[in-house]
Amino acid sequence: MIKYTVCYNNRIKIICFLWYNRFMKIFQKSFRLPPMSRGFHLIDNSVHEVFRTLGPVETGMLHLFLKHTSASLVLGENADPTVRSDLEHFFSELADNKPWFLHTLEGADDMPAHIKSVLIGTSLTVPITNGRMNLGTWQGFYLCEHRDHAGSREIVMTLTGI
């Protein structure tokens, strides 16, 4: 039989499941990133800062979900900033300034932003091993801002594990 309990700690929802005499824990917290210019932005510091407030979980999964339709989340190279510039140029060439777009009420950059968001995605899942994110050496978290004048962006972070 699986048993569970729900409690809150510093506005973080915690759900614990008893599974084979070990507690499966679920922690969740939302955080906001400040408005950013159009482009691919390394947000490692923000993600790691919030991650440290969750847990502890030794083995599990970290899920990040961006609550927007005109921006994206992706793991990419965190060493060379020209990678982010090249990605912005590639996706701009792919989706911007197409004369057949019908959805234009929110500006010329809105429909291309939706296309980029659909192609790149709005969620990431990262394994947790020994209490740490199990990322590759050069992997970093990017917020991909596809609008010319966007507002702040909200990310929901969920940590699940034992």
N, C-alpha and C. Protein backbone atom coordinates (compact mmCIF):
# COMPACT_ATOMS: atom_id res chain seq x y z
N MET A 1 0.83 -1.17 0.00
CA MET A 1 0.00 0.00 0.00
C MET A 1 0.88 1.24 0.00
N ILE A 2 0.51 2.23 -0.81
CA ILE A 2 1.24 3.49 -0.87
C ILE A 2 0.53 4.50 0.01
N LYS A 3 1.28 5.15 0.87
CA LYS A 3 0.73 6.21 1.72
C LYS A 3 1.42 7.51 1.34
N TYR A 4 0.72 8.64 1.57
CA TYR A 4 1.35 9.91 1.27
C TYR A 4 0.90 10.98 2.25
N THR A 5 1.67 12.07 2.30
CA THR A 5 1.33 13.23 3.11
C THR A 5 1.69 14.48 2.32
N VAL A 6 0.99 15.57 2.56
CA VAL A 6 1.26 16.84 1.88
C VAL A 6 1.53 17.89 2.94
N CYS A 7 2.58 18.67 2.74
CA CYS A 7 2.85 19.79 3.65
C CYS A 7 3.52 20.90 2.86
N TYR A 8 3.63 22.07 3.47
CA TYR A 8 4.27 23.21 2.83
C TYR A 8 5.41 23.69 3.70
N ASN A 9 6.52 24.04 3.06
CA ASN A 9 7.68 24.56 3.76
C ASN A 9 8.19 25.74 2.94
N ASN A 10 8.10 26.95 3.48
CA ASN A 10 8.53 28.15 2.76
C ASN A 10 7.89 28.25 1.38
N ARG A 11 6.58 28.04 1.30
CA ARG A 11 5.79 28.12 0.09
C ARG A 11 6.17 27.06 -0.94
N ILE A 12 6.91 26.04 -0.53
CA ILE A 12 7.24 24.93 -1.41
C ILE A 12 6.31 23.78 -1.07
N LYS A 13 5.59 23.30 -2.05
CA LYS A 13 4.69 22.17 -1.83
C LYS A 13 5.51 20.89 -1.78
N ILE A 14 5.33 20.12 -0.73
CA ILE A 14 6.08 18.87 -0.54
C ILE A 14 5.07 17.73 -0.41
N ILE A 15 5.19 16.73 -1.26
CA ILE A 15 4.37 15.54 -1.18
C ILE A 15 5.31 14.36 -0.97
N CYS A 16 5.09 13.58 0.07
CA CYS A 16 5.95 12.44 0.36
C CYS A 16 5.16 11.15 0.23
N PHE A 17 5.69 10.21 -0.52
CA PHE A 17 5.08 8.89 -0.69
C PHE A 17 5.95 7.85 0.02
N LEU A 18 5.33 6.97 0.76
CA LEU A 18 6.05 5.85 1.35
C LEU A 18 6.03 4.71 0.35
N TRP A 19 7.20 4.33 -0.16
CA TRP A 19 7.32 3.33 -1.20
C TRP A 19 8.39 2.34 -0.77
N TYR A 20 8.00 1.13 -0.46
CA TYR A 20 8.94 0.11 -0.01
C TYR A 20 9.83 0.63 1.12
N ASN A 21 9.19 1.23 2.11
CA ASN A 21 9.85 1.76 3.29
C ASN A 21 10.82 2.90 3.00
N ARG A 22 10.72 3.52 1.84
CA ARG A 22 11.49 4.72 1.52
C ARG A 22 10.51 5.78 1.09
N PHE A 23 10.77 7.00 1.46
CA PHE A 23 9.88 8.09 1.10
C PHE A 23 10.25 8.65 -0.27
N MET A 24 9.30 8.60 -1.20
CA MET A 24 9.41 9.30 -2.47
C MET A 24 8.93 10.72 -2.19
N LYS A 25 9.76 11.71 -2.51
CA LYS A 25 9.44 13.10 -2.20
C LYS A 25 9.23 13.89 -3.49
N ILE A 26 8.32 14.83 -3.42
CA ILE A 26 8.07 15.74 -4.53
C ILE A 26 8.10 17.16 -3.97
N PHE A 27 8.99 17.98 -4.51
CA PHE A 27 9.11 19.39 -4.11
C PHE A 27 8.81 20.23 -5.34
N GLN A 28 8.14 21.36 -5.12
CA GLN A 28 7.81 22.22 -6.26
C GLN A 28 7.89 23.67 -5.86
N LYS A 29 8.48 24.46 -6.75
CA LYS A 29 8.60 25.89 -6.50
C LYS A 29 8.59 26.62 -7.83
N SER A 30 7.91 27.76 -7.88
CA SER A 30 7.91 28.62 -9.06
C SER A 30 8.85 29.79 -8.82
N PHE A 31 9.49 30.25 -9.88
CA PHE A 31 10.33 31.44 -9.76
C PHE A 31 10.24 32.24 -11.04
N ARG A 32 10.53 33.53 -10.93
CA ARG A 32 10.44 34.44 -12.07
C ARG A 32 11.82 34.91 -12.48
N LEU A 33 12.00 34.98 -13.79
CA LEU A 33 13.20 35.59 -14.34
C LEU A 33 12.83 37.01 -14.78
N PRO A 34 13.74 37.95 -14.63
CA PRO A 34 13.44 39.32 -15.05
C PRO A 34 13.30 39.40 -16.57
N PRO A 35 12.68 40.46 -17.08
CA PRO A 35 12.59 40.61 -18.53
C PRO A 35 13.98 40.58 -19.16
N MET A 36 14.08 39.90 -20.29
CA MET A 36 15.35 39.79 -21.00
C MET A 36 15.15 40.19 -22.45
N SER A 37 16.21 40.62 -23.07
CA SER A 37 16.15 40.98 -24.48
C SER A 37 15.99 39.71 -25.32
N ARG A 38 15.62 39.90 -26.55
CA ARG A 38 15.48 38.77 -27.45
C ARG A 38 16.84 38.06 -27.58
N GLY A 39 16.80 36.72 -27.51
CA GLY A 39 18.04 35.95 -27.64
C GLY A 39 18.04 34.75 -26.72
N PHE A 40 19.15 34.06 -26.69
CA PHE A 40 19.34 32.85 -25.88
C PHE A 40 20.21 33.24 -24.68
N HIS A 41 19.64 33.11 -23.47
CA HIS A 41 20.29 33.60 -22.26
C HIS A 41 20.62 32.45 -21.32
N LEU A 42 21.86 32.42 -20.84
CA LEU A 42 22.28 31.42 -19.88
C LEU A 42 21.68 31.77 -18.52
N ILE A 43 20.90 30.84 -17.94
CA ILE A 43 20.22 31.10 -16.67
C ILE A 43 20.64 30.10 -15.59
N ASP A 44 21.85 29.54 -15.73
CA ASP A 44 22.34 28.55 -14.77
C ASP A 44 22.25 29.02 -13.32
N ASN A 45 22.68 30.25 -13.06
CA ASN A 45 22.70 30.73 -11.67
C ASN A 45 21.32 30.72 -11.05
N SER A 46 20.32 31.18 -11.80
CA SER A 46 18.95 31.20 -11.27
C SER A 46 18.44 29.79 -11.01
N VAL A 47 18.68 28.87 -11.95
CA VAL A 47 18.20 27.50 -11.80
C VAL A 47 18.88 26.83 -10.61
N HIS A 48 20.19 26.96 -10.50
CA HIS A 48 20.92 26.33 -9.39
C HIS A 48 20.52 26.94 -8.04
N GLU A 49 20.27 28.24 -8.01
CA GLU A 49 19.86 28.91 -6.77
C GLU A 49 18.52 28.35 -6.26
N VAL A 50 17.56 28.19 -7.15
CA VAL A 50 16.26 27.64 -6.75
C VAL A 50 16.39 26.16 -6.42
N PHE A 51 17.17 25.42 -7.21
CA PHE A 51 17.38 23.99 -6.96
C PHE A 51 17.90 23.75 -5.53
N ARG A 52 18.81 24.60 -5.07
CA ARG A 52 19.36 24.44 -3.71
C ARG A 52 18.31 24.59 -2.62
N THR A 53 17.19 25.25 -2.93
CA THR A 53 16.14 25.42 -1.92
C THR A 53 15.20 24.22 -1.86
N LEU A 54 15.30 23.31 -2.81
CA LEU A 54 14.45 22.12 -2.86
C LEU A 54 15.20 20.93 -2.25
N GLY A 55 14.45 19.89 -1.96
CA GLY A 55 15.11 18.65 -1.54
C GLY A 55 15.14 18.47 -0.05
N PRO A 56 15.92 17.55 0.41
CA PRO A 56 16.95 16.81 -0.30
C PRO A 56 16.40 15.60 -1.04
N VAL A 57 16.99 15.33 -2.20
CA VAL A 57 16.71 14.13 -2.98
C VAL A 57 18.05 13.60 -3.47
N GLU A 58 18.34 12.35 -3.19
CA GLU A 58 19.59 11.73 -3.62
C GLU A 58 19.53 11.26 -5.07
N THR A 59 18.42 10.62 -5.42
CA THR A 59 18.24 10.09 -6.77
C THR A 59 16.85 10.47 -7.24
N GLY A 60 16.75 11.05 -8.43
CA GLY A 60 15.43 11.44 -8.91
C GLY A 60 15.49 12.20 -10.21
N MET A 61 14.48 13.04 -10.40
CA MET A 61 14.36 13.83 -11.63
C MET A 61 13.98 15.27 -11.28
N LEU A 62 14.57 16.19 -11.99
CA LEU A 62 14.23 17.60 -11.88
C LEU A 62 13.53 17.99 -13.16
N HIS A 63 12.36 18.59 -13.04
CA HIS A 63 11.60 19.02 -14.21
C HIS A 63 11.43 20.53 -14.14
N LEU A 64 11.68 21.20 -15.25
CA LEU A 64 11.46 22.64 -15.36
C LEU A 64 10.42 22.88 -16.45
N PHE A 65 9.45 23.73 -16.15
CA PHE A 65 8.38 24.05 -17.09
C PHE A 65 8.23 25.55 -17.19
N LEU A 66 8.35 26.08 -18.38
CA LEU A 66 8.20 27.51 -18.65
C LEU A 66 6.74 27.79 -19.00
N LYS A 67 6.10 28.68 -18.25
CA LYS A 67 4.66 28.93 -18.41
C LYS A 67 4.39 30.04 -19.44
N HIS A 68 4.94 29.87 -20.63
CA HIS A 68 4.76 30.88 -21.67
C HIS A 68 4.78 30.22 -23.04
N THR A 69 4.18 30.90 -24.03
CA THR A 69 4.10 30.35 -25.38
C THR A 69 4.97 31.10 -26.39
N SER A 70 5.76 32.06 -25.93
CA SER A 70 6.62 32.80 -26.85
C SER A 70 8.07 32.84 -26.36
N ALA A 71 8.43 31.86 -25.56
CA ALA A 71 9.81 31.67 -25.09
C ALA A 71 10.03 30.18 -24.94
N SER A 72 11.28 29.77 -24.73
CA SER A 72 11.61 28.35 -24.64
C SER A 72 12.67 28.11 -23.58
N LEU A 73 12.80 26.84 -23.21
CA LEU A 73 13.89 26.37 -22.35
C LEU A 73 14.67 25.31 -23.11
N VAL A 74 15.98 25.33 -22.95
CA VAL A 74 16.81 24.31 -23.62
C VAL A 74 18.11 24.16 -22.84
N LEU A 75 18.71 22.98 -22.97
CA LEU A 75 20.07 22.77 -22.49
C LEU A 75 21.01 22.99 -23.66
N GLY A 76 22.04 23.79 -23.46
CA GLY A 76 22.99 24.06 -24.53
C GLY A 76 24.37 24.29 -23.95
N GLU A 77 25.32 24.52 -24.84
CA GLU A 77 26.69 24.75 -24.41
C GLU A 77 26.79 26.01 -23.56
N ASN A 78 27.46 25.88 -22.41
CA ASN A 78 27.56 27.03 -21.51
C ASN A 78 28.94 27.69 -21.53
N ALA A 79 29.84 27.25 -22.39
CA ALA A 79 31.20 27.78 -22.38
C ALA A 79 31.39 28.94 -23.37
N ASP A 80 30.90 28.78 -24.58
CA ASP A 80 31.15 29.76 -25.63
C ASP A 80 29.87 30.53 -25.95
N PRO A 81 29.82 31.82 -25.63
CA PRO A 81 28.59 32.60 -25.87
C PRO A 81 28.21 32.74 -27.34
N THR A 82 29.15 32.48 -28.26
CA THR A 82 28.79 32.58 -29.67
C THR A 82 27.80 31.49 -30.08
N VAL A 83 27.74 30.40 -29.31
CA VAL A 83 26.74 29.36 -29.59
C VAL A 83 25.34 29.97 -29.45
N ARG A 84 25.13 30.76 -28.41
CA ARG A 84 23.82 31.37 -28.19
C ARG A 84 23.49 32.36 -29.32
N SER A 85 24.47 33.11 -29.77
CA SER A 85 24.25 34.04 -30.89
C SER A 85 23.91 33.28 -32.16
N ASP A 86 24.64 32.20 -32.41
CA ASP A 86 24.37 31.40 -33.61
C ASP A 86 22.98 30.79 -33.58
N LEU A 87 22.55 30.32 -32.42
CA LEU A 87 21.20 29.76 -32.29
C LEU A 87 20.15 30.83 -32.58
N GLU A 88 20.34 32.02 -32.03
CA GLU A 88 19.39 33.11 -32.29
C GLU A 88 19.32 33.41 -33.78
N HIS A 89 20.45 33.49 -34.45
CA HIS A 89 20.47 33.76 -35.90
C HIS A 89 19.78 32.65 -36.68
N PHE A 90 20.04 31.40 -36.31
CA PHE A 90 19.43 30.27 -37.01
C PHE A 90 17.92 30.30 -36.91
N PHE A 91 17.40 30.43 -35.68
CA PHE A 91 15.94 30.40 -35.50
C PHE A 91 15.27 31.65 -36.06
N SER A 92 15.97 32.78 -36.06
CA SER A 92 15.41 33.99 -36.69
C SER A 92 15.28 33.80 -38.19
N GLU A 93 16.29 33.22 -38.79
CA GLU A 93 16.24 32.95 -40.23
C GLU A 93 15.13 31.97 -40.56
N LEU A 94 14.92 31.01 -39.70
CA LEU A 94 13.92 29.97 -39.92
C LEU A 94 12.49 30.51 -39.84
N ALA A 95 12.21 31.40 -38.88
CA ALA A 95 10.81 31.72 -38.60
C ALA A 95 10.41 33.19 -38.75
N ASP A 96 11.33 34.11 -38.79
CA ASP A 96 10.96 35.53 -38.78
C ASP A 96 10.52 36.03 -40.15
N ASN A 97 9.65 37.06 -40.12
CA ASN A 97 9.26 37.83 -41.31
C ASN A 97 8.70 37.00 -42.46
N LYS A 98 7.76 36.16 -42.13
CA LYS A 98 7.10 35.35 -43.17
C LYS A 98 5.80 36.05 -43.55
N PRO A 99 5.58 36.33 -44.84
CA PRO A 99 4.42 37.12 -45.26
C PRO A 99 3.08 36.40 -45.11
N TRP A 100 3.06 35.10 -44.92
CA TRP A 100 1.81 34.36 -44.86
C TRP A 100 1.24 34.22 -43.44
N PHE A 101 1.90 34.76 -42.41
CA PHE A 101 1.37 34.65 -41.05
C PHE A 101 0.05 35.41 -40.92
N LEU A 102 -0.93 34.77 -40.32
CA LEU A 102 -2.23 35.39 -40.05
C LEU A 102 -2.29 35.98 -38.65
N HIS A 103 -1.60 35.39 -37.73
CA HIS A 103 -1.61 35.82 -36.32
C HIS A 103 -0.61 36.96 -36.16
N THR A 104 -1.10 38.20 -36.32
CA THR A 104 -0.21 39.37 -36.27
C THR A 104 -0.70 40.46 -35.32
N LEU A 105 -1.81 40.25 -34.63
CA LEU A 105 -2.37 41.29 -33.77
C LEU A 105 -1.44 41.72 -32.64
N GLU A 106 -0.60 40.81 -32.17
CA GLU A 106 0.29 41.13 -31.05
C GLU A 106 1.68 41.56 -31.51
N GLY A 107 1.85 41.79 -32.79
CA GLY A 107 3.12 42.26 -33.32
C GLY A 107 3.74 41.26 -34.27
N ALA A 108 4.65 41.77 -35.09
CA ALA A 108 5.29 40.94 -36.11
C ALA A 108 6.18 39.86 -35.51
N ASP A 109 6.61 40.03 -34.25
CA ASP A 109 7.48 39.04 -33.63
C ASP A 109 6.71 37.95 -32.89
N ASP A 110 5.39 38.06 -32.79
CA ASP A 110 4.62 37.13 -31.96
C ASP A 110 4.48 35.75 -32.58
N MET A 111 4.04 35.65 -33.82
CA MET A 111 3.88 34.33 -34.44
C MET A 111 5.22 33.62 -34.59
N PRO A 112 6.29 34.30 -35.01
CA PRO A 112 7.58 33.63 -35.02
C PRO A 112 7.99 33.12 -33.62
N ALA A 113 7.64 33.89 -32.59
CA ALA A 113 7.95 33.46 -31.22
C ALA A 113 7.20 32.17 -30.86
N HIS A 114 5.95 32.07 -31.27
CA HIS A 114 5.18 30.84 -31.01
C HIS A 114 5.79 29.65 -31.76
N ILE A 115 6.19 29.86 -32.98
CA ILE A 115 6.79 28.77 -33.77
C ILE A 115 8.08 28.29 -33.10
N LYS A 116 8.93 29.22 -32.70
CA LYS A 116 10.20 28.86 -32.05
C LYS A 116 9.94 28.12 -30.74
N SER A 117 8.95 28.57 -29.99
CA SER A 117 8.61 27.92 -28.72
C SER A 117 8.15 26.48 -28.95
N VAL A 118 7.34 26.27 -29.99
CA VAL A 118 6.86 24.92 -30.31
C VAL A 118 8.03 24.04 -30.75
N LEU A 119 8.92 24.57 -31.56
CA LEU A 119 10.04 23.77 -32.06
C LEU A 119 11.06 23.44 -30.97
N ILE A 120 11.36 24.40 -30.13
CA ILE A 120 12.40 24.22 -29.11
C ILE A 120 11.84 23.56 -27.85
N GLY A 121 10.66 23.99 -27.42
CA GLY A 121 10.03 23.39 -26.25
C GLY A 121 10.06 24.28 -25.02
N THR A 122 9.18 23.95 -24.10
CA THR A 122 9.04 24.76 -22.89
C THR A 122 9.31 23.97 -21.61
N SER A 123 9.87 22.77 -21.74
CA SER A 123 10.17 22.00 -20.52
C SER A 123 11.45 21.20 -20.70
N LEU A 124 12.09 20.93 -19.57
CA LEU A 124 13.31 20.14 -19.51
C LEU A 124 13.22 19.17 -18.35
N THR A 125 13.86 18.02 -18.50
CA THR A 125 13.97 17.06 -17.41
C THR A 125 15.44 16.69 -17.27
N VAL A 126 15.94 16.76 -16.03
CA VAL A 126 17.35 16.49 -15.75
C VAL A 126 17.43 15.43 -14.65
N PRO A 127 18.26 14.39 -14.82
CA PRO A 127 18.40 13.40 -13.75
C PRO A 127 19.15 13.98 -12.55
N ILE A 128 18.77 13.50 -11.38
CA ILE A 128 19.46 13.86 -10.14
C ILE A 128 20.20 12.62 -9.66
N THR A 129 21.50 12.76 -9.45
CA THR A 129 22.35 11.66 -9.00
C THR A 129 23.19 12.16 -7.83
N ASN A 130 23.15 11.44 -6.73
CA ASN A 130 23.89 11.83 -5.53
C ASN A 130 23.56 13.26 -5.10
N GLY A 131 22.29 13.64 -5.24
CA GLY A 131 21.82 14.95 -4.80
C GLY A 131 22.18 16.10 -5.71
N ARG A 132 22.75 15.82 -6.89
CA ARG A 132 23.16 16.89 -7.80
C ARG A 132 22.56 16.68 -9.18
N MET A 133 22.44 17.78 -9.93
CA MET A 133 22.00 17.67 -11.31
C MET A 133 23.07 16.94 -12.10
N ASN A 134 22.67 15.91 -12.83
CA ASN A 134 23.62 15.09 -13.58
C ASN A 134 23.70 15.62 -15.01
N LEU A 135 24.40 16.75 -15.15
CA LEU A 135 24.55 17.42 -16.44
C LEU A 135 25.91 17.11 -17.05
N GLY A 136 25.99 17.23 -18.36
CA GLY A 136 27.27 17.10 -19.03
C GLY A 136 28.16 18.29 -18.71
N THR A 137 29.44 18.15 -18.99
CA THR A 137 30.43 19.17 -18.64
C THR A 137 30.07 20.55 -19.16
N TRP A 138 29.60 20.64 -20.39
CA TRP A 138 29.35 21.94 -21.01
C TRP A 138 27.88 22.28 -21.13
N GLN A 139 27.01 21.56 -20.43
CA GLN A 139 25.58 21.83 -20.54
C GLN A 139 25.15 22.93 -19.57
N GLY A 140 24.40 23.87 -20.11
CA GLY A 140 23.84 24.94 -19.31
C GLY A 140 22.39 25.17 -19.69
N PHE A 141 21.65 25.79 -18.78
CA PHE A 141 20.24 26.09 -19.00
C PHE A 141 20.12 27.43 -19.73
N TYR A 142 19.33 27.43 -20.82
CA TYR A 142 19.06 28.67 -21.55
C TYR A 142 17.58 29.01 -21.43
N LEU A 143 17.30 30.29 -21.22
CA LEU A 143 15.98 30.84 -21.53
C LEU A 143 16.12 31.40 -22.93
N CYS A 144 15.29 30.94 -23.83
CA CYS A 144 15.29 31.43 -25.20
C CYS A 144 14.15 32.43 -25.32
N GLU A 145 14.48 33.69 -25.32
CA GLU A 145 13.47 34.75 -25.40
C GLU A 145 13.26 35.07 -26.87
N HIS A 146 12.02 34.88 -27.33
CA HIS A 146 11.72 35.04 -28.75
C HIS A 146 11.00 36.35 -29.08
N ARG A 147 10.61 37.11 -28.07
CA ARG A 147 9.93 38.39 -28.31
C ARG A 147 10.93 39.54 -28.24
N ASP A 148 10.63 40.60 -28.96
CA ASP A 148 11.50 41.78 -28.94
C ASP A 148 11.40 42.55 -27.62
N HIS A 149 10.21 42.57 -27.03
CA HIS A 149 10.00 43.32 -25.78
C HIS A 149 9.15 42.48 -24.83
N ALA A 150 9.74 41.45 -24.27
CA ALA A 150 9.00 40.52 -23.41
C ALA A 150 9.01 40.99 -21.96
N GLY A 151 8.08 40.44 -21.20
CA GLY A 151 8.05 40.69 -19.77
C GLY A 151 8.84 39.62 -19.04
N SER A 152 8.63 39.56 -17.73
CA SER A 152 9.30 38.53 -16.94
C SER A 152 8.74 37.16 -17.33
N ARG A 153 9.48 36.12 -17.03
CA ARG A 153 9.09 34.75 -17.37
C ARG A 153 9.05 33.90 -16.11
N GLU A 154 8.02 33.06 -16.01
CA GLU A 154 7.84 32.20 -14.84
C GLU A 154 8.18 30.75 -15.18
N ILE A 155 8.97 30.13 -14.31
CA ILE A 155 9.34 28.73 -14.46
C ILE A 155 8.89 27.97 -13.22
N VAL A 156 8.27 26.81 -13.43
CA VAL A 156 7.90 25.91 -12.35
C VAL A 156 8.95 24.80 -12.30
N MET A 157 9.57 24.64 -11.13
CA MET A 157 10.58 23.62 -10.94
C MET A 157 10.03 22.55 -10.03
N THR A 158 10.06 21.29 -10.46
CA THR A 158 9.56 20.16 -9.67
C THR A 158 10.68 19.14 -9.53
N LEU A 159 10.97 18.79 -8.28
CA LEU A 159 11.99 17.80 -7.95
C LEU A 159 11.32 16.59 -7.36
N THR A 160 11.55 15.43 -7.95
CA THR A 160 10.94 14.17 -7.50
C THR A 160 12.04 13.16 -7.27
N GLY A 161 11.96 12.43 -6.15
CA GLY A 161 12.97 11.38 -5.94
C GLY A 161 12.96 10.85 -4.52
N ILE A 162 14.01 10.07 -4.25
CA ILE A 162 14.17 9.47 -2.93
C ILE A 162 15.48 9.92 -2.31
